[in-house]
Amino acid sequence: GPNGLRQVEWSQSAARFLEPHLVDLRTPEPIRAIGTGDNLTCAGISDTLLCWGRGALAVDETNAPAAINVVGVGNDHVCGMLDDDSLWCFGSDARGQLGGGPGDQSPSPVQPNLAGDAAIQLSVGAQHSCAITEGDGPDARKVKCWGDNRSNQAGGIVNQVELPRDVSGDLVPGEWVDVAAGVLHSCAINARG
């Protein structure tokens, strides 16, 4: 694929790779998770997130408080789900995609406000994010989305959702098992059908 912004291989300036290409991250640790977005790639290596490619997030090492299990990359923000069931996001917050309230950008990871729930799944769209969370009580699993909402991809009627919003309340209650955030839409699967 294209490598004009070094999103495939950070140490080589080749414009394009036509064949699969091995990337040397120069670490003895195994890669636990990987995510790609708009001209940006990030890998979770133990408790370190290494990103390369376009913009302010390029070749940035961020240490997390626990091991990184899932990495989601949007156009200009990154979120990681850790093995302690917490979420952390960094990058642009121009559309509320970091989920911690209003802001412009955070080069350091911030936690989306999940209101005490644990994250069990994560998906990152272009400028929004969604997670399945689990709390206490009946129908404890919820689908929460935040960020850009100009196409209602984060639920509700406002153009921007700055804090994670429970969108599962608008849907059938149940056991939420999967969520996917696209460029301008989001989908979730409920085990009850």
Protein backbone atom coordinates (compact mmCIF):
# COMPACT_ATOMS: atom_id res chain seq x y z
CA GLY A 1 0.00 0.00 0.00
CA PRO A 2 0.96 3.68 -0.07
CA ASN A 3 3.77 4.78 2.22
CA GLY A 4 4.05 8.48 1.33
CA LEU A 5 3.55 9.44 4.98
CA ARG A 6 5.49 6.41 6.27
CA GLN A 7 2.30 4.75 7.51
CA VAL A 8 3.47 1.28 6.38
CA GLU A 9 7.18 1.41 7.19
CA TRP A 10 8.40 4.25 9.37
CA SER A 11 12.10 3.69 8.67
CA GLN A 12 11.88 3.62 4.85
CA SER A 13 10.90 6.37 2.47
CA ALA A 14 9.50 4.11 -0.29
CA ALA A 15 6.38 5.72 -1.76
CA ARG A 16 4.50 2.41 -2.06
CA PHE A 17 4.87 -1.25 -1.16
CA LEU A 18 3.38 -3.60 -3.77
CA GLU A 19 3.97 -6.79 -1.76
CA PRO A 20 3.42 -7.55 1.93
CA HIS A 21 6.24 -5.93 3.88
CA LEU A 22 7.79 -6.95 7.20
CA VAL A 23 8.08 -3.96 9.56
CA ASP A 24 10.88 -4.09 12.12
CA LEU A 25 9.70 -2.35 15.29
CA ARG A 26 13.07 -3.02 16.90
CA THR A 27 11.67 -4.52 20.06
CA PRO A 28 12.01 -8.01 21.54
CA GLU A 29 8.47 -7.76 22.94
CA PRO A 30 5.63 -9.39 20.96
CA ILE A 31 3.00 -7.19 19.34
CA ARG A 32 -0.29 -7.66 21.22
CA ALA A 33 -2.52 -5.47 19.02
CA ILE A 34 -2.34 -3.40 15.85
CA GLY A 35 -4.61 -0.78 14.31
CA THR A 36 -4.57 1.30 11.16
CA GLY A 37 -6.36 4.49 10.27
CA ASP A 38 -6.04 7.36 7.84
CA ASN A 39 -2.28 7.31 7.05
CA LEU A 40 -1.40 6.15 10.58
CA THR A 41 -0.49 2.77 12.11
CA CYS A 42 -0.20 1.91 15.81
CA ALA A 43 0.99 -1.25 17.55
CA GLY A 44 0.46 -2.25 21.18
CA ILE A 45 3.62 -3.82 22.56
CA SER A 46 3.09 -4.83 26.20
CA ASP A 47 2.33 -1.49 27.93
CA THR A 48 3.69 0.69 25.10
CA LEU A 49 1.81 2.09 22.13
CA LEU A 50 4.05 2.83 19.17
CA CYS A 51 2.56 4.88 16.31
CA TRP A 52 4.02 5.92 12.97
CA GLY A 53 2.73 7.74 9.91
CA ARG A 54 0.98 11.08 9.47
CA GLY A 55 0.81 14.06 11.75
CA ALA A 56 1.39 14.80 15.42
CA LEU A 57 0.90 11.15 16.38
CA ALA A 58 3.79 9.94 14.21
CA VAL A 59 6.52 7.80 15.80
CA ASP A 60 5.13 8.46 19.26
CA GLU A 61 5.69 6.08 22.15
CA THR A 62 3.06 6.22 24.87
CA ASN A 63 3.32 4.14 28.03
CA ALA A 64 0.04 2.80 29.36
CA PRO A 65 -0.75 1.77 32.95
CA ALA A 66 -1.41 -1.86 31.82
CA ALA A 67 -0.86 -4.10 28.80
CA ILE A 68 -2.60 -3.01 25.59
CA ASN A 69 -5.03 -5.58 24.14
CA VAL A 70 -6.89 -3.61 21.43
CA VAL A 71 -5.82 -0.63 19.32
CA GLY A 72 -8.28 1.47 17.32
CA VAL A 73 -7.06 4.19 14.97
CA GLY A 74 -9.21 6.95 13.48
CA ASN A 75 -8.30 9.78 11.13
CA ASP A 76 -6.42 11.69 13.81
CA HIS A 77 -7.04 9.96 17.13
CA VAL A 78 -6.09 6.62 18.67
CA CYS A 79 -7.76 4.60 21.43
CA GLY A 80 -6.46 1.54 23.23
CA MET A 81 -8.22 -0.96 25.46
CA LEU A 82 -6.00 -2.31 28.22
CA ASP A 83 -6.10 -5.65 29.99
CA ASP A 84 -7.48 -3.93 33.10
CA ASP A 85 -10.65 -3.10 31.04
CA SER A 86 -9.86 0.61 30.85
CA LEU A 87 -9.84 2.76 27.72
CA TRP A 88 -7.30 5.45 26.86
CA CYS A 89 -7.35 7.81 23.86
CA PHE A 90 -5.04 10.50 22.50
CA GLY A 91 -4.70 12.75 19.48
CA SER A 92 -7.22 15.23 18.10
CA ASP A 93 -10.30 16.03 20.14
CA ALA A 94 -11.72 18.54 17.66
CA ARG A 95 -14.98 16.53 17.39
CA GLY A 96 -14.98 15.13 20.95
CA GLN A 97 -13.43 11.83 19.83
CA LEU A 98 -11.31 11.43 22.98
CA GLY A 99 -14.45 11.19 25.13
CA GLY A 100 -13.23 13.19 28.10
CA GLY A 101 -15.11 16.45 27.46
CA PRO A 102 -14.21 19.46 25.33
CA GLY A 103 -10.64 19.86 24.13
CA ASP A 104 -8.56 20.41 21.03
CA GLN A 105 -5.82 17.80 21.21
CA SER A 106 -4.07 15.63 23.74
CA PRO A 107 -0.64 14.18 22.98
CA SER A 108 -0.92 12.25 26.26
CA PRO A 109 -3.56 9.53 26.73
CA VAL A 110 -6.82 10.50 28.46
CA GLN A 111 -9.60 8.23 29.67
CA PRO A 112 -13.03 8.50 28.07
CA ASN A 113 -15.63 8.99 30.80
CA LEU A 114 -17.37 5.60 30.88
CA ALA A 115 -19.22 6.45 34.13
CA GLY A 116 -17.56 3.64 36.08
CA ASP A 117 -18.25 0.90 33.53
CA ALA A 118 -15.50 -1.45 32.30
CA ALA A 119 -14.74 -1.57 28.59
CA ILE A 120 -15.08 -5.00 27.00
CA GLN A 121 -14.91 -4.03 23.32
CA LEU A 122 -13.68 -1.03 21.30
CA SER A 123 -14.10 0.22 17.75
CA VAL A 124 -12.78 3.50 16.36
CA GLY A 125 -14.26 5.31 13.37
CA ALA A 126 -12.90 8.26 11.43
CA GLN A 127 -13.72 10.89 14.08
CA HIS A 128 -15.80 8.95 16.61
CA SER A 129 -15.42 5.91 18.83
CA CYS A 130 -17.73 3.29 20.32
CA ALA A 131 -17.30 0.73 23.08
CA ILE A 132 -19.30 -2.02 24.67
CA THR A 133 -19.13 -1.49 28.41
CA GLU A 134 -20.24 -3.56 31.35
CA GLY A 135 -21.55 -2.28 34.66
CA ASP A 136 -23.83 -3.62 37.37
CA GLY A 137 -27.47 -4.65 37.22
CA PRO A 138 -29.81 -6.00 34.56
CA ASP A 139 -28.84 -5.27 30.98
CA ALA A 140 -25.43 -4.29 32.35
CA ARG A 141 -23.81 -4.24 28.91
CA LYS A 142 -24.19 -0.97 27.06
CA VAL A 143 -23.09 0.44 23.73
CA LYS A 144 -21.50 3.85 24.26
CA CYS A 145 -20.34 6.18 21.48
CA TRP A 146 -18.70 9.61 21.41
CA GLY A 147 -17.16 12.08 18.99
CA ASP A 148 -18.31 13.33 15.60
CA ASN A 149 -22.07 12.96 15.18
CA ARG A 150 -22.82 15.02 12.08
CA SER A 151 -24.23 11.85 10.46
CA ASN A 152 -25.70 10.54 13.75
CA GLN A 153 -22.93 7.90 13.94
CA ALA A 154 -22.54 8.45 17.70
CA GLY A 155 -26.30 8.51 18.38
CA GLY A 156 -28.67 11.33 19.26
CA ILE A 157 -29.35 14.60 17.49
CA VAL A 158 -26.39 16.82 18.41
CA ASN A 159 -23.47 17.27 15.98
CA GLN A 160 -20.83 16.37 18.53
CA VAL A 161 -20.90 13.99 21.52
CA GLU A 162 -18.06 15.02 23.86
CA LEU A 163 -18.69 12.38 26.54
CA PRO A 164 -19.55 8.70 25.89
CA ARG A 165 -23.31 8.41 25.40
CA ASP A 166 -25.27 5.23 26.08
CA VAL A 167 -26.89 4.57 22.70
CA SER A 168 -28.11 1.09 23.69
CA GLY A 169 -30.97 2.72 25.60
CA ASP A 170 -32.32 3.83 22.21
CA LEU A 171 -32.20 0.21 21.03
CA VAL A 172 -33.43 -3.18 22.23
CA PRO A 173 -32.09 -4.02 25.71
CA GLY A 174 -29.89 -7.06 25.83
CA GLU A 175 -26.52 -8.68 25.73
CA TRP A 176 -24.39 -6.56 23.41
CA VAL A 177 -21.64 -8.68 21.87
CA ASP A 178 -19.99 -6.59 19.14
CA VAL A 179 -19.70 -3.01 17.93
CA ALA A 180 -18.17 -1.53 14.77
CA ALA A 181 -17.56 2.15 14.06
CA GLY A 182 -17.19 3.17 10.41
CA VAL A 183 -16.41 6.48 8.78
CA LEU A 184 -19.94 7.89 9.10
CA HIS A 185 -21.92 5.11 10.80
CA SER A 186 -21.83 2.55 13.64
CA CYS A 187 -23.38 -0.89 14.09
CA ALA A 188 -23.79 -3.19 17.10
CA ILE A 189 -24.87 -6.81 17.54
CA ASN A 190 -27.28 -7.85 20.27
CA ALA A 191 -27.30 -11.54 21.27
CA ARG A 192 -31.08 -11.39 21.72
CA GLY A 193 -31.52 -10.64 18.03
